[in-house]
Amino acid sequence: MSEIGGPSPPDLPGAPPSWIGGEPPPLPQIAEQHPLPGVPWRWWEAFAVFALTLVTSGLLAVGVAAVFGGDLQKAMAVVVFEVTLGAWAILWLKVRFGAGPSALGFRSDQIRRDIGFGLGIGLLGWVVSTLVVGNIVVRVVERLSRGPVTEPDQLDYANPSALVLTITAIGVIVIAPIAEEIFFRGFVFRGFRRDVGFVVAAVASGALFMMAHLPFWIIFPSIFTLGLFLAWALERRASLIPCIVAHALFNSAGFAAYMLTLNS
């Protein structure tokens, strides 16, 4: 037995912990660190998933064109592509590795904190990538071209109806953030992160995220910057929830700006 105030003897094997009946020791702050677990897939498998998406969505687009026309066809084609992208990423992992959506990051230990974190990253990402980086790019291009720069119309609708705008809003604000975060952060970034450090993984996945927005090259720096913010959100919280929330907020701002042009 130890003297009063002296050091306590170590716990014997099979004996109850020495703090039973008293205060337990503090738990490690796992929720604050959120380490990213390893993944079984490699980054280059994302190219196979994207190729399958292009082929499948292209075939489905033929059916969409046979049923719909005009602006409605364009809106439905975007939705079909995004759904196909997310579905192929999930199916690839299920078939090859027997992994479910949680392997991509569909998990959250603290859902409210993840949502709040995502809102903060979305707002910060929009300010930096659009107001700062975007304006710098426009000024540089205007100086080099000696003329005004017109912002690209990514939606390219002739005369969108209420139905077209509703489908577009759902696709842009809900479906696209989920599908693209599944692929670019859950699949691509984590595939790179398995083999390289955060900076290289973030830059590589951000570059692919940027290239996916062809042919709107004028927004490449903004999209790349946003991709860095989203990669950091996943690294920090080990969950796709903040990434999806941030992406949705970013797209909401863009869609709101588009709606303002229709009313002006």
C-alpha atoms as a PDB file:
ATOM      1  CA  MET A   1       0.000   0.000   0.000  1.00  0.00           C
ATOM      2  CA  SER A   2       1.195   3.511  -0.747  1.00  0.00           C
ATOM      3  CA  GLU A   3       1.411   6.258   1.784  1.00  0.00           C
ATOM      4  CA  ILE A   4      -1.282   8.924   1.847  1.00  0.00           C
ATOM      5  CA  GLY A   5      -0.429  11.511  -0.783  1.00  0.00           C
ATOM      6  CA  GLY A   6       2.201   9.212  -2.312  1.00  0.00           C
ATOM      7  CA  PRO A   7       2.162   7.754  -5.809  1.00  0.00           C
ATOM      8  CA  SER A   8      -0.521   5.177  -6.594  1.00  0.00           C
ATOM      9  CA  PRO A   9       0.576   1.677  -7.551  1.00  0.00           C
ATOM     10  CA  PRO A  10       0.102   0.644 -11.187  1.00  0.00           C
ATOM     11  CA  ASP A  11      -3.087  -1.210 -12.104  1.00  0.00           C
ATOM     12  CA  LEU A  12      -2.626  -4.972 -11.982  1.00  0.00           C
ATOM     13  CA  PRO A  13      -3.650  -7.060 -14.995  1.00  0.00           C
ATOM     14  CA  GLY A  14      -7.337  -7.858 -14.787  1.00  0.00           C
ATOM     15  CA  ALA A  15      -7.896  -5.385 -11.921  1.00  0.00           C
ATOM     16  CA  PRO A  16     -10.365  -2.502 -12.278  1.00  0.00           C
ATOM     17  CA  PRO A  17      -8.813   0.855 -13.195  1.00  0.00           C
ATOM     18  CA  SER A  18      -7.494   2.855 -10.277  1.00  0.00           C
ATOM     19  CA  TRP A  19      -9.944   5.687 -10.989  1.00  0.00           C
ATOM     20  CA  ILE A  20     -13.026   3.520 -10.309  1.00  0.00           C
ATOM     21  CA  GLY A  21     -15.004   5.398  -7.708  1.00  0.00           C
ATOM     22  CA  GLY A  22     -13.237   8.658  -8.532  1.00  0.00           C
ATOM     23  CA  GLU A  23     -12.758  10.945 -11.525  1.00  0.00           C
ATOM     24  CA  PRO A  24     -11.644   9.231 -14.749  1.00  0.00           C
ATOM     25  CA  PRO A  25      -8.642  10.617 -16.623  1.00  0.00           C
ATOM     26  CA  PRO A  26      -9.398  13.027 -19.476  1.00  0.00           C
ATOM     27  CA  LEU A  27     -10.148  11.387 -22.808  1.00  0.00           C
ATOM     28  CA  PRO A  28      -8.009  12.260 -25.835  1.00  0.00           C
ATOM     29  CA  GLN A  29      -9.537  14.907 -28.056  1.00  0.00           C
ATOM     30  CA  ILE A  30     -10.184  12.602 -30.989  1.00  0.00           C
ATOM     31  CA  ALA A  31     -13.147  14.666 -32.154  1.00  0.00           C
ATOM     32  CA  GLU A  32     -10.892  17.697 -32.563  1.00  0.00           C
ATOM     33  CA  GLN A  33      -8.181  15.921 -34.566  1.00  0.00           C
ATOM     34  CA  HIS A  34     -10.357  13.838 -36.914  1.00  0.00           C
ATOM     35  CA  PRO A  35      -7.593  11.744 -38.488  1.00  0.00           C
ATOM     36  CA  LEU A  36      -8.382  10.520 -41.972  1.00  0.00           C
ATOM     37  CA  PRO A  37      -8.368   6.713 -42.151  1.00  0.00           C
ATOM     38  CA  GLY A  38      -6.563   5.049 -45.025  1.00  0.00           C
ATOM     39  CA  VAL A  39      -8.414   3.958 -48.168  1.00  0.00           C
ATOM     40  CA  PRO A  40      -7.977   0.858 -50.352  1.00  0.00           C
ATOM     41  CA  TRP A  41      -8.262   2.572 -53.722  1.00  0.00           C
ATOM     42  CA  ARG A  42      -5.635   4.518 -55.686  1.00  0.00           C
ATOM     43  CA  TRP A  43      -6.006   7.965 -57.213  1.00  0.00           C
ATOM     44  CA  TRP A  44      -5.697   6.781 -60.798  1.00  0.00           C
ATOM     45  CA  GLU A  45      -8.865   4.699 -60.454  1.00  0.00           C
ATOM     46  CA  ALA A  46     -10.754   8.003 -60.577  1.00  0.00           C
ATOM     47  CA  PHE A  47      -9.999   8.215 -64.306  1.00  0.00           C
ATOM     48  CA  ALA A  48     -11.795   4.911 -64.877  1.00  0.00           C
ATOM     49  CA  VAL A  49     -14.771   6.143 -62.853  1.00  0.00           C
ATOM     50  CA  PHE A  50     -14.881   9.399 -64.819  1.00  0.00           C
ATOM     51  CA  ALA A  51     -14.661   7.542 -68.142  1.00  0.00           C
ATOM     52  CA  LEU A  52     -17.549   5.297 -67.129  1.00  0.00           C
ATOM     53  CA  THR A  53     -19.482   8.403 -66.150  1.00  0.00           C
ATOM     54  CA  LEU A  54     -18.922  10.036 -69.541  1.00  0.00           C
ATOM     55  CA  VAL A  55     -20.040   6.934 -71.426  1.00  0.00           C
ATOM     56  CA  THR A  56     -23.062   6.225 -69.247  1.00  0.00           C
ATOM     57  CA  SER A  57     -24.261   9.815 -69.004  1.00  0.00           C
ATOM     58  CA  GLY A  58     -23.757  10.203 -72.762  1.00  0.00           C
ATOM     59  CA  LEU A  59     -26.013   7.236 -73.447  1.00  0.00           C
ATOM     60  CA  LEU A  60     -28.589   8.494 -70.980  1.00  0.00           C
ATOM     61  CA  ALA A  61     -28.410  11.947 -72.570  1.00  0.00           C
ATOM     62  CA  VAL A  62     -29.623  10.410 -75.814  1.00  0.00           C
ATOM     63  CA  GLY A  63     -32.730   9.215 -74.012  1.00  0.00           C
ATOM     64  CA  VAL A  64     -33.164  12.604 -72.354  1.00  0.00           C
ATOM     65  CA  ALA A  65     -32.941  14.325 -75.745  1.00  0.00           C
ATOM     66  CA  ALA A  66     -35.618  11.987 -77.093  1.00  0.00           C
ATOM     67  CA  VAL A  67     -38.040  12.989 -74.341  1.00  0.00           C
ATOM     68  CA  PHE A  68     -37.173  16.595 -73.593  1.00  0.00           C
ATOM     69  CA  GLY A  69     -36.056  19.528 -75.685  1.00  0.00           C
ATOM     70  CA  GLY A  70     -34.586  22.997 -75.418  1.00  0.00           C
ATOM     71  CA  ASP A  71     -33.675  24.353 -71.999  1.00  0.00           C
ATOM     72  CA  LEU A  72     -35.346  21.429 -70.215  1.00  0.00           C
ATOM     73  CA  GLN A  73     -33.066  19.013 -72.044  1.00  0.00           C
ATOM     74  CA  LYS A  74     -29.991  20.957 -70.892  1.00  0.00           C
ATOM     75  CA  ALA A  75     -31.186  21.031 -67.286  1.00  0.00           C
ATOM     76  CA  MET A  76     -31.953  17.310 -67.239  1.00  0.00           C
ATOM     77  CA  ALA A  77     -28.627  16.446 -68.900  1.00  0.00           C
ATOM     78  CA  VAL A  78     -26.718  18.207 -66.097  1.00  0.00           C
ATOM     79  CA  VAL A  79     -28.686  16.330 -63.444  1.00  0.00           C
ATOM     80  CA  VAL A  80     -28.096  13.014 -65.225  1.00  0.00           C
ATOM     81  CA  PHE A  81     -24.343  13.607 -65.399  1.00  0.00           C
ATOM     82  CA  GLU A  82     -24.029  14.535 -61.728  1.00  0.00           C
ATOM     83  CA  VAL A  83     -26.102  11.592 -60.527  1.00  0.00           C
ATOM     84  CA  THR A  84     -24.102   9.234 -62.745  1.00  0.00           C
ATOM     85  CA  LEU A  85     -20.794  10.596 -61.431  1.00  0.00           C
ATOM     86  CA  GLY A  86     -21.702  10.003 -57.792  1.00  0.00           C
ATOM     87  CA  ALA A  87     -23.325   6.638 -58.508  1.00  0.00           C
ATOM     88  CA  TRP A  88     -20.285   5.274 -60.372  1.00  0.00           C
ATOM     89  CA  ALA A  89     -17.907   6.325 -57.590  1.00  0.00           C
ATOM     90  CA  ILE A  90     -20.020   4.525 -54.980  1.00  0.00           C
ATOM     91  CA  LEU A  91     -20.555   1.472 -57.204  1.00  0.00           C
ATOM     92  CA  TRP A  92     -16.833   1.217 -58.013  1.00  0.00           C
ATOM     93  CA  LEU A  93     -15.893   1.037 -54.350  1.00  0.00           C
ATOM     94  CA  LYS A  94     -18.671  -1.422 -53.582  1.00  0.00           C
ATOM     95  CA  VAL A  95     -17.761  -3.821 -56.385  1.00  0.00           C
ATOM     96  CA  ARG A  96     -13.958  -3.619 -56.125  1.00  0.00           C
ATOM     97  CA  PHE A  97     -13.468  -3.240 -52.397  1.00  0.00           C
ATOM     98  CA  GLY A  98     -16.770  -4.035 -50.739  1.00  0.00           C
ATOM     99  CA  ALA A  99     -16.733  -0.533 -49.244  1.00  0.00           C
ATOM    100  CA  GLY A 100     -19.786   1.567 -48.525  1.00  0.00           C
ATOM    101  CA  PRO A 101     -20.379   5.342 -48.720  1.00  0.00           C
ATOM    102  CA  SER A 102     -18.825   5.816 -45.275  1.00  0.00           C
ATOM    103  CA  ALA A 103     -15.438   4.965 -46.805  1.00  0.00           C
ATOM    104  CA  LEU A 104     -15.793   8.110 -48.936  1.00  0.00           C
ATOM    105  CA  GLY A 105     -16.417  10.245 -45.881  1.00  0.00           C
ATOM    106  CA  PHE A 106     -20.191  10.023 -45.380  1.00  0.00           C
ATOM    107  CA  ARG A 107     -19.829  10.116 -41.636  1.00  0.00           C
ATOM    108  CA  SER A 108     -20.141  12.726 -38.938  1.00  0.00           C
ATOM    109  CA  ASP A 109     -19.445  12.516 -35.229  1.00  0.00           C
ATOM    110  CA  GLN A 110     -20.668  16.070 -34.695  1.00  0.00           C
ATOM    111  CA  ILE A 111     -23.177  16.928 -37.403  1.00  0.00           C
ATOM    112  CA  ARG A 112     -23.922  20.457 -36.176  1.00  0.00           C
ATOM    113  CA  ARG A 113     -20.249  21.372 -35.978  1.00  0.00           C
ATOM    114  CA  ASP A 114     -19.638  19.860 -39.421  1.00  0.00           C
ATOM    115  CA  ILE A 115     -22.505  21.859 -40.927  1.00  0.00           C
ATOM    116  CA  GLY A 116     -21.329  25.044 -39.234  1.00  0.00           C
ATOM    117  CA  PHE A 117     -17.760  24.403 -40.347  1.00  0.00           C
ATOM    118  CA  GLY A 118     -19.001  23.855 -43.893  1.00  0.00           C
ATOM    119  CA  LEU A 119     -20.947  27.112 -43.891  1.00  0.00           C
ATOM    120  CA  GLY A 120     -17.847  28.970 -42.716  1.00  0.00           C
ATOM    121  CA  ILE A 121     -15.619  27.350 -45.330  1.00  0.00           C
ATOM    122  CA  GLY A 122     -18.221  27.974 -48.029  1.00  0.00           C
ATOM    123  CA  LEU A 123     -18.433  31.660 -47.195  1.00  0.00           C
ATOM    124  CA  LEU A 124     -14.655  32.051 -46.903  1.00  0.00           C
ATOM    125  CA  GLY A 125     -14.108  30.040 -50.080  1.00  0.00           C
ATOM    126  CA  TRP A 126     -16.589  32.194 -51.998  1.00  0.00           C
ATOM    127  CA  VAL A 127     -14.989  35.435 -50.821  1.00  0.00           C
ATOM    128  CA  VAL A 128     -11.432  34.340 -51.618  1.00  0.00           C
ATOM    129  CA  SER A 129     -12.058  32.412 -54.849  1.00  0.00           C
ATOM    130  CA  THR A 130     -14.654  34.744 -56.364  1.00  0.00           C
ATOM    131  CA  LEU A 131     -14.172  38.236 -54.966  1.00  0.00           C
ATOM    132  CA  VAL A 132     -10.390  38.073 -54.637  1.00  0.00           C
ATOM    133  CA  VAL A 133      -8.966  35.513 -57.086  1.00  0.00           C
ATOM    134  CA  GLY A 134     -11.743  35.936 -59.649  1.00  0.00           C
ATOM    135  CA  ASN A 135     -11.412  39.721 -59.766  1.00  0.00           C
ATOM    136  CA  ILE A 136      -7.631  39.520 -60.037  1.00  0.00           C
ATOM    137  CA  VAL A 137      -7.915  37.122 -62.999  1.00  0.00           C
ATOM    138  CA  VAL A 138     -10.446  39.384 -64.732  1.00  0.00           C
ATOM    139  CA  ARG A 139      -8.227  42.439 -64.285  1.00  0.00           C
ATOM    140  CA  VAL A 140      -5.167  40.616 -65.621  1.00  0.00           C
ATOM    141  CA  VAL A 141      -7.022  39.234 -68.659  1.00  0.00           C
ATOM    142  CA  GLU A 142      -8.548  42.630 -69.404  1.00  0.00           C
ATOM    143  CA  ARG A 143      -5.108  44.245 -69.310  1.00  0.00           C
ATOM    144  CA  LEU A 144      -3.566  41.567 -71.521  1.00  0.00           C
ATOM    145  CA  SER A 145      -6.436  41.508 -74.018  1.00  0.00           C
ATOM    146  CA  ARG A 146      -6.968  45.287 -73.890  1.00  0.00           C
ATOM    147  CA  GLY A 147     -10.717  44.764 -73.717  1.00  0.00           C
ATOM    148  CA  PRO A 148     -13.549  43.900 -71.330  1.00  0.00           C
ATOM    149  CA  VAL A 149     -14.002  40.333 -70.110  1.00  0.00           C
ATOM    150  CA  THR A 150     -17.442  38.752 -70.180  1.00  0.00           C
ATOM    151  CA  GLU A 151     -18.283  36.274 -67.447  1.00  0.00           C
ATOM    152  CA  PRO A 152     -19.110  32.842 -68.943  1.00  0.00           C
ATOM    153  CA  ASP A 153     -22.727  31.714 -68.920  1.00  0.00           C
ATOM    154  CA  GLN A 154     -22.407  28.185 -67.568  1.00  0.00           C
ATOM    155  CA  LEU A 155     -26.141  27.501 -67.766  1.00  0.00           C
ATOM    156  CA  ASP A 156     -26.596  28.874 -71.306  1.00  0.00           C
ATOM    157  CA  TYR A 157     -30.389  28.904 -71.313  1.00  0.00           C
ATOM    158  CA  ALA A 158     -32.361  30.625 -74.046  1.00  0.00           C
ATOM    159  CA  ASN A 159     -35.543  31.392 -72.114  1.00  0.00           C
ATOM    160  CA  PRO A 160     -35.722  29.245 -68.953  1.00  0.00           C
ATOM    161  CA  SER A 161     -39.144  28.417 -67.572  1.00  0.00           C
ATOM    162  CA  ALA A 162     -40.004  28.017 -63.903  1.00  0.00           C
ATOM    163  CA  LEU A 163     -39.674  24.228 -64.298  1.00  0.00           C
ATOM    164  CA  VAL A 164     -36.226  24.552 -65.854  1.00  0.00           C
ATOM    165  CA  LEU A 165     -35.065  26.898 -63.100  1.00  0.00           C
ATOM    166  CA  THR A 166     -36.422  24.573 -60.401  1.00  0.00           C
ATOM    167  CA  ILE A 167     -34.658  21.533 -61.854  1.00  0.00           C
ATOM    168  CA  THR A 168     -31.490  23.575 -62.267  1.00  0.00           C
ATOM    169  CA  ALA A 169     -31.624  24.802 -58.671  1.00  0.00           C
ATOM    170  CA  ILE A 170     -31.994  21.235 -57.391  1.00  0.00           C
ATOM    171  CA  GLY A 171     -29.173  20.051 -59.630  1.00  0.00           C
ATOM    172  CA  VAL A 172     -26.786  22.901 -58.840  1.00  0.00           C
ATOM    173  CA  ILE A 173     -27.459  23.358 -55.125  1.00  0.00           C
ATOM    174  CA  VAL A 174     -28.217  19.781 -54.014  1.00  0.00           C
ATOM    175  CA  ILE A 175     -27.167  17.092 -56.481  1.00  0.00           C
ATOM    176  CA  ALA A 176     -23.925  18.600 -57.836  1.00  0.00           C
ATOM    177  CA  PRO A 177     -22.363  19.324 -54.415  1.00  0.00           C
ATOM    178  CA  ILE A 178     -23.081  15.781 -53.238  1.00  0.00           C
ATOM    179  CA  ALA A 179     -21.917  14.037 -56.424  1.00  0.00           C
ATOM    180  CA  GLU A 180     -18.825  16.193 -56.988  1.00  0.00           C
ATOM    181  CA  GLU A 181     -17.707  15.963 -53.372  1.00  0.00           C
ATOM    182  CA  ILE A 182     -18.117  12.189 -53.495  1.00  0.00           C
ATOM    183  CA  PHE A 183     -15.864  12.082 -56.537  1.00  0.00           C
ATOM    184  CA  PHE A 184     -13.329  14.912 -56.193  1.00  0.00           C
ATOM    185  CA  ARG A 185     -12.829  14.933 -52.428  1.00  0.00           C
ATOM    186  CA  GLY A 186     -14.038  11.510 -51.293  1.00  0.00           C
ATOM    187  CA  PHE A 187     -12.502   9.555 -54.174  1.00  0.00           C
ATOM    188  CA  VAL A 188      -9.796  11.664 -55.861  1.00  0.00           C
ATOM    189  CA  PHE A 189      -8.353  13.610 -52.921  1.00  0.00           C
ATOM    190  CA  ARG A 190      -8.339  10.630 -50.575  1.00  0.00           C
ATOM    191  CA  GLY A 191      -6.831   8.447 -53.281  1.00  0.00           C
ATOM    192  CA  PHE A 192      -3.946  10.905 -53.597  1.00  0.00           C
ATOM    193  CA  ARG A 193      -3.788  11.371 -49.826  1.00  0.00           C
ATOM    194  CA  ARG A 194      -3.088   7.667 -49.406  1.00  0.00           C
ATOM    195  CA  ASP A 195       0.303   8.057 -51.084  1.00  0.00           C
ATOM    196  CA  VAL A 196       1.295  11.722 -50.734  1.00  0.00           C
ATOM    197  CA  GLY A 197       1.040  14.603 -48.286  1.00  0.00           C
ATOM    198  CA  PHE A 198      -1.864  16.982 -47.929  1.00  0.00           C
ATOM    199  CA  VAL A 199      -0.451  19.780 -50.104  1.00  0.00           C
ATOM    200  CA  VAL A 200       0.227  17.556 -53.118  1.00  0.00           C
ATOM    201  CA  ALA A 201      -3.116  15.773 -52.732  1.00  0.00           C
ATOM    202  CA  ALA A 202      -5.011  19.059 -52.432  1.00  0.00           C
ATOM    203  CA  VAL A 203      -3.266  20.594 -55.451  1.00  0.00           C
ATOM    204  CA  ALA A 204      -3.726  17.490 -57.615  1.00  0.00           C
ATOM    205  CA  SER A 205      -7.398  17.003 -56.757  1.00  0.00           C
ATOM    206  CA  GLY A 206      -8.006  20.752 -57.090  1.00  0.00           C
ATOM    207  CA  ALA A 207      -6.443  20.730 -60.563  1.00  0.00           C
ATOM    208  CA  LEU A 208      -8.697  17.880 -61.692  1.00  0.00           C
ATOM    209  CA  PHE A 209     -11.701  19.631 -60.152  1.00  0.00           C
ATOM    210  CA  MET A 210     -10.726  22.724 -62.139  1.00  0.00           C
ATOM    211  CA  MET A 211     -10.272  20.839 -65.420  1.00  0.00           C
ATOM    212  CA  ALA A 212     -13.736  19.302 -65.046  1.00  0.00           C
ATOM    213  CA  HIS A 213     -15.176  22.790 -65.616  1.00  0.00           C
ATOM    214  CA  LEU A 214     -14.017  23.051 -69.216  1.00  0.00           C
ATOM    215  CA  PRO A 215     -14.459  25.093 -71.354  1.00  0.00           C
ATOM    216  CA  PHE A 216     -14.903  27.935 -68.837  1.00  0.00           C
ATOM    217  CA  TRP A 217     -11.173  28.634 -68.498  1.00  0.00           C
ATOM    218  CA  ILE A 218     -11.696  32.132 -67.090  1.00  0.00           C
ATOM    219  CA  ILE A 219     -13.004  30.633 -63.830  1.00  0.00           C
ATOM    220  CA  PHE A 220     -10.236  28.014 -63.546  1.00  0.00           C
ATOM    221  CA  PRO A 221      -8.265  29.868 -60.830  1.00  0.00           C
ATOM    222  CA  SER A 222     -11.432  30.394 -58.774  1.00  0.00           C
ATOM    223  CA  ILE A 223     -12.474  26.743 -59.050  1.00  0.00           C
ATOM    224  CA  PHE A 224      -8.963  25.585 -58.183  1.00  0.00           C
ATOM    225  CA  THR A 225      -8.909  27.846 -55.117  1.00  0.00           C
ATOM    226  CA  LEU A 226     -12.285  26.517 -54.003  1.00  0.00           C
ATOM    227  CA  GLY A 227     -10.963  22.963 -54.415  1.00  0.00           C
ATOM    228  CA  LEU A 228      -8.125  23.741 -51.992  1.00  0.00           C
ATOM    229  CA  PHE A 229     -10.578  24.990 -49.389  1.00  0.00           C
ATOM    230  CA  LEU A 230     -12.766  21.898 -49.788  1.00  0.00           C
ATOM    231  CA  ALA A 231      -9.776  19.554 -49.498  1.00  0.00           C
ATOM    232  CA  TRP A 232      -8.731  21.294 -46.301  1.00  0.00           C
ATOM    233  CA  ALA A 233     -12.264  20.945 -44.920  1.00  0.00           C
ATOM    234  CA  LEU A 234     -12.128  17.176 -45.470  1.00  0.00           C
ATOM    235  CA  GLU A 235      -8.644  16.961 -43.984  1.00  0.00           C
ATOM    236  CA  ARG A 236      -9.716  18.944 -40.941  1.00  0.00           C
ATOM    237  CA  ARG A 237     -13.048  17.247 -40.200  1.00  0.00           C
ATOM    238  CA  ALA A 238     -12.575  13.786 -41.824  1.00  0.00           C
ATOM    239  CA  SER A 239     -16.112  14.084 -43.198  1.00  0.00           C
ATOM    240  CA  LEU A 240     -17.680  15.003 -46.526  1.00  0.00           C
ATOM    241  CA  ILE A 241     -20.505  16.842 -44.768  1.00  0.00           C
ATOM    242  CA  PRO A 242     -18.604  20.166 -44.439  1.00  0.00           C
ATOM    243  CA  CYS A 243     -17.426  19.850 -48.049  1.00  0.00           C
ATOM    244  CA  ILE A 244     -20.958  19.287 -49.344  1.00  0.00           C
ATOM    245  CA  VAL A 245     -22.346  22.179 -47.279  1.00  0.00           C
ATOM    246  CA  ALA A 246     -19.562  24.526 -48.411  1.00  0.00           C
ATOM    247  CA  HIS A 247     -19.963  23.494 -52.058  1.00  0.00           C
ATOM    248  CA  ALA A 248     -23.734  23.952 -51.855  1.00  0.00           C
ATOM    249  CA  LEU A 249     -23.303  27.436 -50.379  1.00  0.00           C
ATOM    250  CA  PHE A 250     -20.846  28.376 -53.117  1.00  0.00           C
ATOM    251  CA  ASN A 251     -23.177  27.129 -55.860  1.00  0.00           C
ATOM    252  CA  SER A 252     -26.134  28.866 -54.219  1.00  0.00           C
ATOM    253  CA  ALA A 253     -24.324  32.182 -54.505  1.00  0.00           C
ATOM    254  CA  GLY A 254     -23.631  31.534 -58.177  1.00  0.00           C
ATOM    255  CA  PHE A 255     -27.209  30.514 -58.892  1.00  0.00           C
ATOM    256  CA  ALA A 256     -28.525  33.585 -57.057  1.00  0.00           C
ATOM    257  CA  ALA A 257     -26.270  35.780 -59.198  1.00  0.00           C
ATOM    258  CA  TYR A 258     -27.665  34.089 -62.312  1.00  0.00           C
ATOM    259  CA  MET A 259     -31.233  34.698 -61.164  1.00  0.00           C
ATOM    260  CA  LEU A 260     -30.434  38.382 -60.688  1.00  0.00           C
ATOM    261  CA  THR A 261     -29.342  38.608 -64.329  1.00  0.00           C
ATOM    262  CA  LEU A 262     -32.736  37.242 -65.396  1.00  0.00           C
ATOM    263  CA  ASN A 263     -34.558  39.905 -63.415  1.00  0.00           C
ATOM    264  CA  SER A 264     -32.342  42.781 -64.527  1.00  0.00           C
END
